Amino acid sequence: MVEKPQILINKVNEVYAKITAEKSILKEASEYFTFFVPGYQFVPAYRNKIWDGRIRLLNLQNNQLYIGLLSYLESFCDERNYTYEYQNGLELQDEYSEYHAKKFISKINPHARGEPIEVREHQIAAYVHAMQNRRALLLSPTASGKSLIIYLLFRQLHEYQNLKGLIIVPTTSLVEQLYSDFGDYNNGEMLNVHRIYQGKEKETDKPLTISTWQSLYKMPKEYFEQFDYVIGDEAHNFKAQSLTSILTNCVNAKYRIGLTGTLDGTKTHKLVLEGLFGPVRKVITTNELIQQKVVSQFEIKCLVLKHSDEIAKELKSKTYAEEIQYLILNESRNKFIKNLAVSLGTNTLVLYQMVDKHGKILYDMIRNTERIGDRKVFFVHGGVDASDREEIRRIMEIEKDAIVVASFGTFSTGINIRNLHNIIFAMPTKSSIRTLQSIGRGLRQSEGKEIATLYDIADDLRVGKHMNYTLKHFVERTKIYNEEQFPFKIYKIGLKNA
């Protein structure tokens, strides 16, 4: 007699599977898929004892689990010798080989700047994996050619299956950039693609929509039912509730592909993303790209500014916000950043966090310095129109000594500037995602560019064994540099008072 499976798995839609089992097994599985949310202890709902700080990925109210997490459910069963059976519509493998991929690529003949291009092996492998599995979270660093992978997926799904797709990106600049890239790959002929961001029409009959998530998250659930596939660029952003709701509303999207350069290292973040898209697949590493000479050589110069003992003692008892306030208003520090940016003589990106309190100050100082001559200086923040940002990006490609003072939010993620030689971190961050995304801005190759340099500015306000907040963040960044095998040197610089 054949033993009846202890767990039955049925497809609900393209987002969820329903798990059927005894109550005790369901409870055990629910605990397996329950995790503390990073930083839960600081959330008011936890402090007020309204929430226990956990995220539950298996919902016991309806016994539903993200389809992207079924491989974890299989591991749960294998570890406990539970038997399981898939019952309907969960065949997730398609027949698609490297031979098919190369034949299709030869047919569409992708170009860049008017010249035929070779699709690299790691791009082909990522494209084939996504087509075979329908669901994937492709981990591929900046400058690895993610936009070309997305282009191949779009052309394949449209031309061979006539599917309607949605590509979600985090910023208006990336809507325009991806649209422009697609036209470039198509040898200058713009494709039938609809773009959505603030003020743009949301309804279209075109086969592909590229949109910011901010433009769509308030749309009714029914709006998303039209899409047969969904692609999330810079997918690390998708842990936010608004993005999660978009992906869960795409109930008919059988192809679900996320692309990102990095994850934040937390298990909950990874599992939510895998649930929404599919299992992680590492495409290639930045170090491998450098070794293959696909991207520029890269170095990091860590400039540690030593502030006076007097100031350090004064700030010892201050909060993080007060330390930041001191740094952004410090005239000597801002002059140092200004002098550094002007002295470099090649295309330079200065990244800041606060627009009026810091970015505007740096921009005015750089623009008004006597040594700037006729060099172009640009100021970019969230209020700058997407078409203007795209124009600045275009100008940077042909200039040799332009300076862009840009917020982390607008230029740290996804923006493609090949002809960028220097990046300056004007303000500290400990986020691995933001750090690696920002570094990626300088990795792309261009003619005459031999090496890209990151100038990581840190601030030493130590008093005895007490280490200030932003110096701790710098230590976290050096750990990221070590993990990614980026060469870096630390230079200690005494900061003179203004």
Protein backbone atom coordinates (compact mmCIF):
# COMPACT_ATOMS: atom_id res chain seq x y z
CA MET A 1 0.00 0.00 0.00
CA VAL A 2 1.40 3.42 -1.02
CA GLU A 3 1.73 5.81 1.89
CA LYS A 4 -0.32 8.99 1.51
CA PRO A 5 1.81 12.17 1.31
CA GLN A 6 1.79 14.15 4.52
CA ILE A 7 1.92 17.53 2.73
CA LEU A 8 -0.03 18.43 -0.42
CA ILE A 9 0.97 21.50 -2.43
CA ASN A 10 -1.57 23.17 -4.74
CA LYS A 11 -1.19 26.24 -6.88
CA VAL A 12 -3.50 29.14 -5.94
CA ASN A 13 -2.19 31.59 -8.53
CA GLU A 14 1.24 32.71 -9.79
CA VAL A 15 2.05 34.16 -6.36
CA TYR A 16 0.91 31.59 -3.80
CA ALA A 17 0.69 27.86 -3.23
CA LYS A 18 -1.71 26.35 -0.69
CA ILE A 19 -0.24 23.87 1.77
CA THR A 20 -2.51 21.09 3.05
CA ALA A 21 -1.40 19.03 6.06
CA GLU A 22 -2.30 18.16 9.64
CA LYS A 23 -2.49 21.12 12.00
CA SER A 24 0.63 20.08 13.90
CA ILE A 25 2.70 19.91 10.69
CA LEU A 26 1.34 23.25 9.48
CA LYS A 27 2.25 24.86 12.79
CA GLU A 28 5.74 23.38 12.61
CA ALA A 29 6.14 24.63 9.04
CA SER A 30 4.88 28.07 10.04
CA GLU A 31 7.56 28.29 12.73
CA TYR A 32 10.15 27.24 10.11
CA PHE A 33 9.11 30.22 8.00
CA THR A 34 8.93 32.72 10.86
CA PHE A 35 11.76 35.25 11.43
CA PHE A 36 12.47 38.37 13.40
CA VAL A 37 12.46 41.48 11.21
CA PRO A 38 15.82 43.34 11.36
CA GLY A 39 15.50 46.33 13.70
CA TYR A 40 12.18 45.09 15.09
CA GLN A 41 13.08 46.29 18.57
CA PHE A 42 13.00 49.91 17.39
CA VAL A 43 9.55 49.73 15.78
CA PRO A 44 6.82 51.49 17.82
CA ALA A 45 4.37 48.61 17.29
CA TYR A 46 6.85 46.25 18.96
CA ARG A 47 7.62 48.67 21.79
CA ASN A 48 3.90 49.11 22.38
CA LYS A 49 3.43 45.30 22.41
CA ILE A 50 1.07 45.39 19.43
CA TRP A 51 3.45 43.26 17.31
CA ASP A 52 5.94 40.55 18.25
CA GLY A 53 8.61 41.67 15.77
CA ARG A 54 8.29 38.61 13.54
CA ILE A 55 7.41 38.08 9.89
CA ARG A 56 5.46 34.90 9.05
CA LEU A 57 5.94 33.75 5.49
CA LEU A 58 3.50 30.83 5.83
CA ASN A 59 0.10 32.32 6.58
CA LEU A 60 -1.86 29.94 8.84
CA GLN A 61 -5.11 31.79 8.18
CA ASN A 62 -5.20 30.44 4.62
CA ASN A 63 -2.17 28.11 4.67
CA GLN A 64 -0.57 29.94 1.76
CA LEU A 65 3.14 30.25 0.99
CA TYR A 66 4.96 32.19 -1.75
CA ILE A 67 5.65 29.83 -4.66
CA GLY A 68 9.20 31.15 -4.75
CA LEU A 69 9.82 29.50 -1.36
CA LEU A 70 8.74 25.96 -2.28
CA SER A 71 12.34 24.77 -2.48
CA TYR A 72 12.64 25.72 1.21
CA LEU A 73 9.46 23.78 1.95
CA GLU A 74 11.03 20.75 0.26
CA SER A 75 14.09 21.16 2.52
CA PHE A 76 11.78 21.39 5.56
CA CYS A 77 10.16 18.10 4.53
CA ASP A 78 13.45 16.34 3.76
CA GLU A 79 14.94 17.33 7.13
CA ARG A 80 11.95 15.79 8.94
CA ASN A 81 11.30 12.84 6.62
CA TYR A 82 7.90 14.24 5.65
CA THR A 83 6.54 13.24 2.25
CA TYR A 84 5.09 15.86 -0.09
CA GLU A 85 3.33 16.01 -3.44
CA TYR A 86 2.69 18.75 -5.99
CA GLN A 87 -0.85 18.47 -7.30
CA ASN A 88 -1.64 21.07 -9.96
CA GLY A 89 0.00 23.65 -12.15
CA LEU A 90 3.35 23.84 -10.40
CA GLU A 91 5.59 22.61 -13.20
CA LEU A 92 8.09 25.45 -13.11
CA GLN A 93 10.66 24.22 -15.62
CA ASP A 94 10.61 25.17 -19.31
CA GLU A 95 12.75 23.63 -22.03
CA TYR A 96 15.19 26.33 -23.07
CA SER A 97 18.83 25.69 -23.85
CA GLU A 98 21.93 27.73 -24.50
CA TYR A 99 21.58 26.69 -28.15
CA HIS A 100 18.10 28.30 -28.30
CA ALA A 101 19.44 31.41 -26.58
CA LYS A 102 22.35 31.93 -28.96
CA LYS A 103 20.14 31.33 -31.98
CA PHE A 104 17.67 33.97 -30.75
CA ILE A 105 20.45 36.46 -29.91
CA SER A 106 21.86 36.01 -33.42
CA LYS A 107 18.41 36.76 -34.83
CA ILE A 108 17.82 40.02 -32.93
CA ASN A 109 21.47 41.10 -33.35
CA PRO A 110 21.84 43.48 -30.36
CA HIS A 111 23.83 46.70 -30.83
CA ALA A 112 25.34 49.39 -28.62
CA ARG A 113 26.03 52.88 -29.91
CA GLY A 114 25.47 51.67 -33.46
CA GLU A 115 27.87 48.73 -33.32
CA PRO A 116 27.03 45.01 -32.93
CA ILE A 117 27.87 43.70 -29.45
CA GLU A 118 28.77 40.32 -28.06
CA VAL A 119 26.47 39.03 -25.35
CA ARG A 120 28.80 37.70 -22.67
CA GLU A 121 28.67 34.17 -21.33
CA HIS A 122 27.42 35.21 -17.87
CA GLN A 123 24.59 37.21 -19.49
CA ILE A 124 23.58 34.24 -21.64
CA ALA A 125 23.68 31.94 -18.60
CA ALA A 126 21.46 34.32 -16.59
CA TYR A 127 19.01 34.70 -19.50
CA VAL A 128 18.79 30.93 -20.04
CA HIS A 129 18.32 30.29 -16.30
CA ALA A 130 15.46 32.82 -16.14
CA MET A 131 13.73 31.32 -19.19
CA GLN A 132 14.09 27.76 -17.92
CA ASN A 133 12.90 28.42 -14.38
CA ARG A 134 10.41 31.28 -14.97
CA ARG A 135 11.27 32.52 -11.49
CA ALA A 136 14.66 33.78 -10.42
CA LEU A 137 16.42 36.39 -8.34
CA LEU A 138 19.53 37.12 -10.40
CA LEU A 139 22.37 38.42 -8.26
CA SER A 140 24.54 40.32 -10.69
CA PRO A 141 26.66 43.35 -9.76
CA THR A 142 26.57 46.78 -11.32
CA ALA A 143 28.21 46.96 -14.78
CA SER A 144 27.53 43.26 -15.40
CA GLY A 145 24.99 44.13 -18.10
CA LYS A 146 21.65 43.64 -16.32
CA SER A 147 19.79 45.87 -18.78
CA LEU A 148 20.86 43.66 -21.69
CA ILE A 149 19.60 40.57 -19.82
CA ILE A 150 16.25 42.33 -19.30
CA TYR A 151 16.16 43.30 -22.98
CA LEU A 152 16.70 39.68 -24.07
CA LEU A 153 13.90 38.50 -21.76
CA PHE A 154 11.50 41.14 -23.10
CA ARG A 155 12.21 40.35 -26.75
CA GLN A 156 11.90 36.60 -26.14
CA LEU A 157 8.65 36.75 -24.17
CA HIS A 158 7.07 39.21 -26.58
CA GLU A 159 8.11 37.75 -29.90
CA TYR A 160 7.70 34.05 -29.14
CA GLN A 161 4.84 34.05 -26.62
CA ASN A 162 3.20 37.45 -27.22
CA LEU A 163 3.17 38.10 -23.48
CA LYS A 164 2.44 41.46 -21.87
CA GLY A 165 5.03 42.57 -19.33
CA LEU A 166 5.75 45.02 -16.54
CA ILE A 167 9.25 46.17 -15.58
CA ILE A 168 9.49 48.00 -12.26
CA VAL A 169 12.42 50.31 -11.46
CA PRO A 170 13.03 52.56 -8.43
CA THR A 171 13.47 55.97 -10.12
CA THR A 172 12.22 58.02 -13.06
CA SER A 173 15.80 58.26 -14.31
CA LEU A 174 15.92 54.49 -14.66
CA VAL A 175 12.63 54.44 -16.59
CA GLU A 176 14.19 56.74 -19.18
CA GLN A 177 17.57 55.01 -19.11
CA LEU A 178 16.14 51.53 -19.65
CA TYR A 179 13.90 52.79 -22.46
CA SER A 180 16.93 54.47 -24.06
CA ASP A 181 19.07 51.33 -23.60
CA PHE A 182 16.42 49.20 -25.33
CA GLY A 183 16.47 51.55 -28.32
CA ASP A 184 20.25 51.40 -28.38
CA TYR A 185 20.24 47.58 -28.30
CA ASN A 186 17.72 47.68 -31.18
CA ASN A 187 20.24 49.62 -33.29
CA GLY A 188 18.68 52.99 -32.61
CA GLU A 189 15.08 52.04 -33.37
CA MET A 190 12.84 52.71 -30.37
CA LEU A 191 10.59 49.82 -29.37
CA ASN A 192 6.86 49.79 -28.65
CA VAL A 193 7.27 50.39 -24.92
CA HIS A 194 5.09 52.45 -22.57
CA ARG A 195 6.73 54.49 -19.81
CA ILE A 196 5.07 55.49 -16.54
CA TYR A 197 6.16 57.94 -13.91
CA GLN A 198 4.60 61.03 -12.36
CA GLY A 199 1.94 62.53 -14.61
CA LYS A 200 2.12 59.77 -17.26
CA GLU A 201 -0.90 57.78 -18.45
CA LYS A 202 -1.07 54.37 -16.76
CA GLU A 203 -3.25 52.49 -19.25
CA THR A 204 -1.73 51.17 -22.47
CA ASP A 205 -2.11 48.47 -25.10
CA LYS A 206 1.65 48.30 -25.66
CA PRO A 207 3.31 44.93 -24.95
CA LEU A 208 5.64 46.31 -22.26
CA THR A 209 5.31 48.90 -19.52
CA ILE A 210 8.33 50.32 -17.68
CA SER A 211 7.34 52.14 -14.50
CA THR A 212 8.53 53.36 -11.15
CA TRP A 213 6.90 51.54 -8.29
CA GLN A 214 5.81 54.89 -6.83
CA SER A 215 3.54 55.41 -9.84
CA LEU A 216 1.75 52.08 -9.45
CA TYR A 217 1.47 51.05 -5.82
CA LYS A 218 -1.91 52.75 -5.33
CA MET A 219 -3.43 51.18 -8.44
CA PRO A 220 -6.27 48.68 -7.83
CA LYS A 221 -5.47 44.96 -7.75
CA GLU A 222 -7.27 44.42 -11.04
CA TYR A 223 -4.78 46.64 -12.87
CA PHE A 224 -1.96 44.13 -12.34
CA GLU A 225 -3.92 41.12 -13.60
CA GLN A 226 -3.13 42.14 -17.21
CA PHE A 227 0.57 41.28 -16.91
CA ASP A 228 1.91 37.87 -17.96
CA TYR A 229 5.37 38.57 -16.59
CA VAL A 230 7.00 41.00 -14.20
CA ILE A 231 10.66 42.00 -13.96
CA GLY A 232 12.02 43.90 -10.97
CA ASP A 233 15.22 45.86 -11.62
CA GLU A 234 17.24 46.81 -8.50
CA ALA A 235 15.16 44.15 -6.77
CA HIS A 236 16.74 44.70 -3.35
CA ASN A 237 14.21 47.54 -2.96
CA PHE A 238 11.28 45.11 -3.12
CA LYS A 239 11.18 44.28 0.58
CA ALA A 240 9.14 47.46 1.15
CA GLN A 241 5.44 46.87 1.72
CA SER A 242 4.31 48.90 -1.30
CA LEU A 243 6.56 46.92 -3.64
CA THR A 244 5.53 43.63 -2.08
CA SER A 245 1.87 44.50 -2.69
CA ILE A 246 2.57 45.15 -6.40
CA LEU A 247 4.26 41.76 -6.81
CA THR A 248 1.52 39.92 -4.94
CA ASN A 249 -1.13 41.61 -7.10
CA CYS A 250 0.55 40.29 -10.27
CA VAL A 251 -1.38 37.05 -9.86
CA ASN A 252 -1.11 36.04 -13.54
CA ALA A 253 2.59 36.77 -14.03
CA LYS A 254 4.08 33.31 -14.54
CA TYR A 255 7.52 34.74 -15.30
CA ARG A 256 8.88 36.64 -12.30
CA ILE A 257 12.48 37.81 -12.57
CA GLY A 258 14.30 40.04 -10.10
CA LEU A 259 17.74 41.52 -10.72
CA THR A 260 19.99 43.13 -8.14
CA GLY A 261 23.64 43.77 -7.49
CA THR A 262 23.49 42.92 -3.79
CA LEU A 263 21.30 41.84 -0.89
CA ASP A 264 21.47 43.37 2.56
CA GLY A 265 22.70 40.17 4.22
CA THR A 266 19.62 39.46 6.35
CA LYS A 267 17.79 36.17 5.99
CA THR A 268 14.34 37.77 6.06
CA HIS A 269 15.24 40.15 3.21
CA LYS A 270 16.53 37.28 1.08
CA LEU A 271 13.52 35.06 1.73
CA VAL A 272 10.95 37.74 1.00
CA LEU A 273 12.68 38.49 -2.31
CA GLU A 274 12.96 34.80 -3.18
CA GLY A 275 9.30 34.36 -2.32
CA LEU A 276 8.29 37.19 -4.66
CA PHE A 277 10.63 36.24 -7.52
CA GLY A 278 12.34 32.89 -7.03
CA PRO A 279 15.56 31.36 -5.71
CA VAL A 280 18.78 33.37 -5.82
CA ARG A 281 21.11 32.69 -8.71
CA LYS A 282 24.56 34.31 -8.54
CA VAL A 283 25.46 35.41 -12.06
CA ILE A 284 28.99 36.79 -11.59
CA THR A 285 30.98 38.83 -9.06
CA THR A 286 32.52 42.29 -9.44
CA ASN A 287 35.97 40.83 -8.88
CA GLU A 288 35.40 38.33 -11.72
CA LEU A 289 34.31 41.20 -14.00
CA ILE A 290 37.49 43.10 -13.16
CA GLN A 291 39.65 40.01 -13.78
CA GLN A 292 37.92 39.48 -17.14
CA LYS A 293 38.52 43.19 -17.94
CA VAL A 294 34.80 43.69 -18.49
CA VAL A 295 34.81 46.62 -16.04
CA SER A 296 37.42 49.17 -15.03
CA GLN A 297 40.17 48.58 -12.55
CA PHE A 298 39.08 50.05 -9.24
CA GLU A 299 40.72 51.46 -6.13
CA ILE A 300 39.45 53.00 -2.92
CA LYS A 301 41.16 55.81 -1.06
CA CYS A 302 39.78 56.17 2.45
CA LEU A 303 40.36 59.73 3.66
CA VAL A 304 39.95 59.78 7.44
CA LEU A 305 39.60 63.36 8.65
CA LYS A 306 40.84 63.86 12.20
CA HIS A 307 38.83 66.55 13.98
CA SER A 308 40.16 68.45 16.98
CA ASP A 309 40.13 66.83 20.43
CA GLU A 310 38.07 69.76 21.65
CA ILE A 311 35.30 69.11 19.15
CA ALA A 312 35.50 65.34 19.71
CA LYS A 313 34.94 65.76 23.45
CA GLU A 314 32.04 68.11 22.81
CA LEU A 315 30.33 65.63 20.48
CA LYS A 316 30.95 62.54 22.61
CA SER A 317 27.57 62.81 24.37
CA LYS A 318 25.64 63.89 21.27
CA THR A 319 23.20 61.83 19.21
CA TYR A 320 23.81 60.49 15.72
CA ALA A 321 21.63 63.24 14.23
CA GLU A 322 23.65 65.90 16.08
CA GLU A 323 26.93 64.41 14.84
CA ILE A 324 25.62 64.49 11.25
CA GLN A 325 24.46 68.08 11.71
CA TYR A 326 27.95 69.08 12.85
CA LEU A 327 29.58 67.35 9.86
CA ILE A 328 27.37 68.78 7.10
CA LEU A 329 27.74 72.33 8.46
CA ASN A 330 31.48 72.04 9.07
CA GLU A 331 33.03 74.63 6.74
CA SER A 332 36.51 73.07 6.84
CA ARG A 333 35.13 69.66 5.92
CA ASN A 334 33.03 71.08 3.07
CA LYS A 335 36.04 73.04 1.76
CA PHE A 336 38.07 69.83 1.81
CA ILE A 337 35.41 68.05 -0.30
CA LYS A 338 35.19 71.03 -2.66
CA ASN A 339 38.97 71.19 -3.13
CA LEU A 340 39.14 67.43 -3.69
CA ALA A 341 36.40 67.47 -6.34
CA VAL A 342 37.93 70.42 -8.21
CA SER A 343 41.48 69.04 -8.04
CA LEU A 344 40.70 65.68 -9.64
CA GLY A 345 40.40 67.10 -13.15
CA THR A 346 38.34 64.23 -14.58
CA ASN A 347 34.62 63.39 -14.45
CA THR A 348 33.63 63.26 -10.79
CA LEU A 349 30.46 62.30 -8.90
CA VAL A 350 29.97 63.76 -5.39
CA LEU A 351 27.31 61.86 -3.46
CA TYR A 352 25.47 63.47 -0.55
CA GLN A 353 22.36 62.68 1.51
CA MET A 354 20.65 65.96 2.50
CA VAL A 355 19.66 68.25 -0.38
CA ASP A 356 19.38 71.74 1.12
CA LYS A 357 21.50 71.21 4.22
CA HIS A 358 24.48 69.70 2.43
CA GLY A 359 24.13 69.09 -1.32
CA LYS A 360 23.25 72.69 -2.17
CA ILE A 361 26.13 73.96 -0.03
CA LEU A 362 28.66 71.70 -1.81
CA TYR A 363 27.27 72.55 -5.23
CA ASP A 364 27.51 76.30 -4.62
CA MET A 365 31.04 76.00 -3.22
CA ILE A 366 32.24 73.96 -6.22
CA ARG A 367 30.45 76.08 -8.81
CA ASN A 368 31.74 79.37 -7.37
CA THR A 369 35.36 78.39 -6.82
CA GLU A 370 37.83 80.43 -8.89
CA ARG A 371 39.59 77.34 -10.23
CA ILE A 372 36.47 75.83 -11.81
CA GLY A 373 36.89 77.76 -15.08
CA ASP A 374 34.48 76.57 -17.76
CA ARG A 375 34.03 73.07 -16.31
CA LYS A 376 30.42 71.90 -16.20
CA VAL A 377 28.95 71.45 -12.70
CA PHE A 378 25.54 69.84 -12.19
CA PHE A 379 23.27 69.58 -9.14
CA VAL A 380 20.94 66.57 -9.02
CA HIS A 381 18.26 65.69 -6.46
CA GLY A 382 14.78 64.17 -6.40
CA GLY A 383 13.19 67.39 -7.61
CA VAL A 384 15.14 67.40 -10.88
CA ASP A 385 13.01 66.21 -13.81
CA ALA A 386 13.80 62.74 -15.20
CA SER A 387 14.51 64.08 -18.68
CA ASP A 388 16.97 66.62 -17.20
CA ARG A 389 18.76 63.85 -15.29
CA GLU A 390 18.98 61.80 -18.47
CA GLU A 391 20.44 64.83 -20.28
CA ILE A 392 23.06 65.27 -17.52
CA ARG A 393 23.97 61.60 -17.85
CA ARG A 394 24.33 62.04 -21.62
CA ILE A 395 26.55 65.11 -21.20
CA MET A 396 28.76 63.24 -18.73
CA GLU A 397 29.42 60.62 -21.40
CA ILE A 398 31.06 63.21 -23.67
CA GLU A 399 32.66 65.53 -21.10
CA LYS A 400 36.12 64.92 -19.63
CA ASP A 401 36.10 67.02 -16.45
CA ALA A 402 32.47 67.57 -15.41
CA ILE A 403 31.36 67.41 -11.76
CA VAL A 404 27.96 66.10 -10.66
CA VAL A 405 26.82 66.79 -7.11
CA ALA A 406 24.02 64.25 -6.66
CA SER A 407 21.96 62.75 -3.88
CA PHE A 408 22.51 59.07 -3.05
CA GLY A 409 18.86 58.42 -3.91
CA THR A 410 19.13 59.71 -7.47
CA PHE A 411 22.59 58.61 -8.62
CA SER A 412 23.75 55.79 -6.34
CA THR A 413 21.44 53.19 -7.93
CA GLY A 414 21.30 52.01 -11.49
CA ILE A 415 22.39 55.16 -13.32
CA ASN A 416 24.77 54.16 -16.10
CA ILE A 417 27.70 56.58 -16.59
CA ARG A 418 30.54 54.89 -18.47
CA ASN A 419 32.81 57.91 -18.52
CA LEU A 420 33.01 58.38 -14.74
CA HIS A 421 36.46 58.41 -13.14
CA ASN A 422 35.90 59.46 -9.53
CA ILE A 423 33.27 59.05 -6.84
CA ILE A 424 33.34 60.97 -3.56
CA PHE A 425 31.31 59.82 -0.56
CA ALA A 426 30.57 63.20 1.00
CA MET A 427 28.48 61.64 3.77
CA PRO A 428 28.77 58.33 5.62
CA THR A 429 26.64 55.23 5.12
CA LYS A 430 26.88 51.73 6.55
CA SER A 431 24.42 50.20 4.08
CA SER A 432 26.12 47.48 2.04
CA ILE A 433 23.55 47.94 -0.73
CA ARG A 434 24.05 51.70 -1.00
CA THR A 435 27.84 51.34 -0.82
CA LEU A 436 28.07 48.70 -3.55
CA GLN A 437 25.51 50.38 -5.77
CA SER A 438 27.43 53.66 -5.50
CA ILE A 439 30.73 51.95 -6.33
CA GLY A 440 29.08 50.50 -9.40
CA ARG A 441 28.68 53.96 -10.88
CA GLY A 442 32.44 54.09 -11.52
CA LEU A 443 33.05 50.57 -12.81
CA ARG A 444 31.90 50.94 -16.39
CA GLN A 445 34.58 51.17 -19.04
CA SER A 446 35.10 54.01 -21.49
CA GLU A 447 37.81 55.04 -23.94
CA GLY A 448 40.86 56.48 -22.17
CA LYS A 449 39.67 55.41 -18.72
CA GLU A 450 42.23 53.17 -17.04
CA ILE A 451 41.03 53.16 -13.44
CA ALA A 452 38.13 54.40 -11.32
CA THR A 453 38.67 55.73 -7.80
CA LEU A 454 36.33 56.00 -4.83
CA TYR A 455 37.23 58.63 -2.25
CA ASP A 456 35.57 57.46 0.96
CA ILE A 457 35.54 60.35 3.43
CA ALA A 458 35.35 59.33 7.09
CA ASP A 459 35.48 61.41 10.26
CA ASP A 460 37.56 60.59 13.34
CA LEU A 461 35.93 62.05 16.46
CA ARG A 462 37.22 59.45 18.89
CA VAL A 463 37.71 60.19 22.56
CA GLY A 464 39.72 57.48 24.31
CA LYS A 465 37.94 54.17 23.66
CA HIS A 466 34.76 55.93 22.58
CA MET A 467 34.22 55.72 18.81
CA ASN A 468 31.84 58.16 17.12
CA TYR A 469 28.87 56.96 15.06
CA THR A 470 30.12 57.80 11.59
CA LEU A 471 33.54 56.26 12.21
CA LYS A 472 31.74 53.03 13.15
CA HIS A 473 29.95 53.25 9.80
CA PHE A 474 33.32 53.61 8.09
CA VAL A 475 34.52 50.42 9.78
CA GLU A 476 31.44 48.64 8.38
CA ARG A 477 32.29 49.90 4.90
CA THR A 478 35.84 48.56 5.13
CA LYS A 479 34.35 45.15 5.94
CA ILE A 480 32.34 45.37 2.71
CA TYR A 481 35.49 46.30 0.77
CA ASN A 482 37.30 43.28 2.21
CA GLU A 483 34.41 40.92 1.42
CA GLU A 484 34.26 42.17 -2.18
CA GLN A 485 38.07 42.06 -2.50
CA PHE A 486 38.31 45.75 -3.38
CA PRO A 487 41.80 47.17 -2.75
CA PHE A 488 41.75 50.13 -0.38
CA LYS A 489 44.22 52.36 1.45
CA ILE A 490 43.58 54.52 4.48
CA TYR A 491 44.98 58.05 4.61
CA LYS A 492 44.80 60.01 7.89
CA ILE A 493 44.36 63.74 7.41
CA GLY A 494 44.28 66.44 10.05
CA LEU A 495 41.30 68.73 9.49
CA LYS A 496 42.10 72.39 10.10
CA ASN A 497 39.39 74.55 11.59
CA ALA A 498 37.94 77.18 9.26
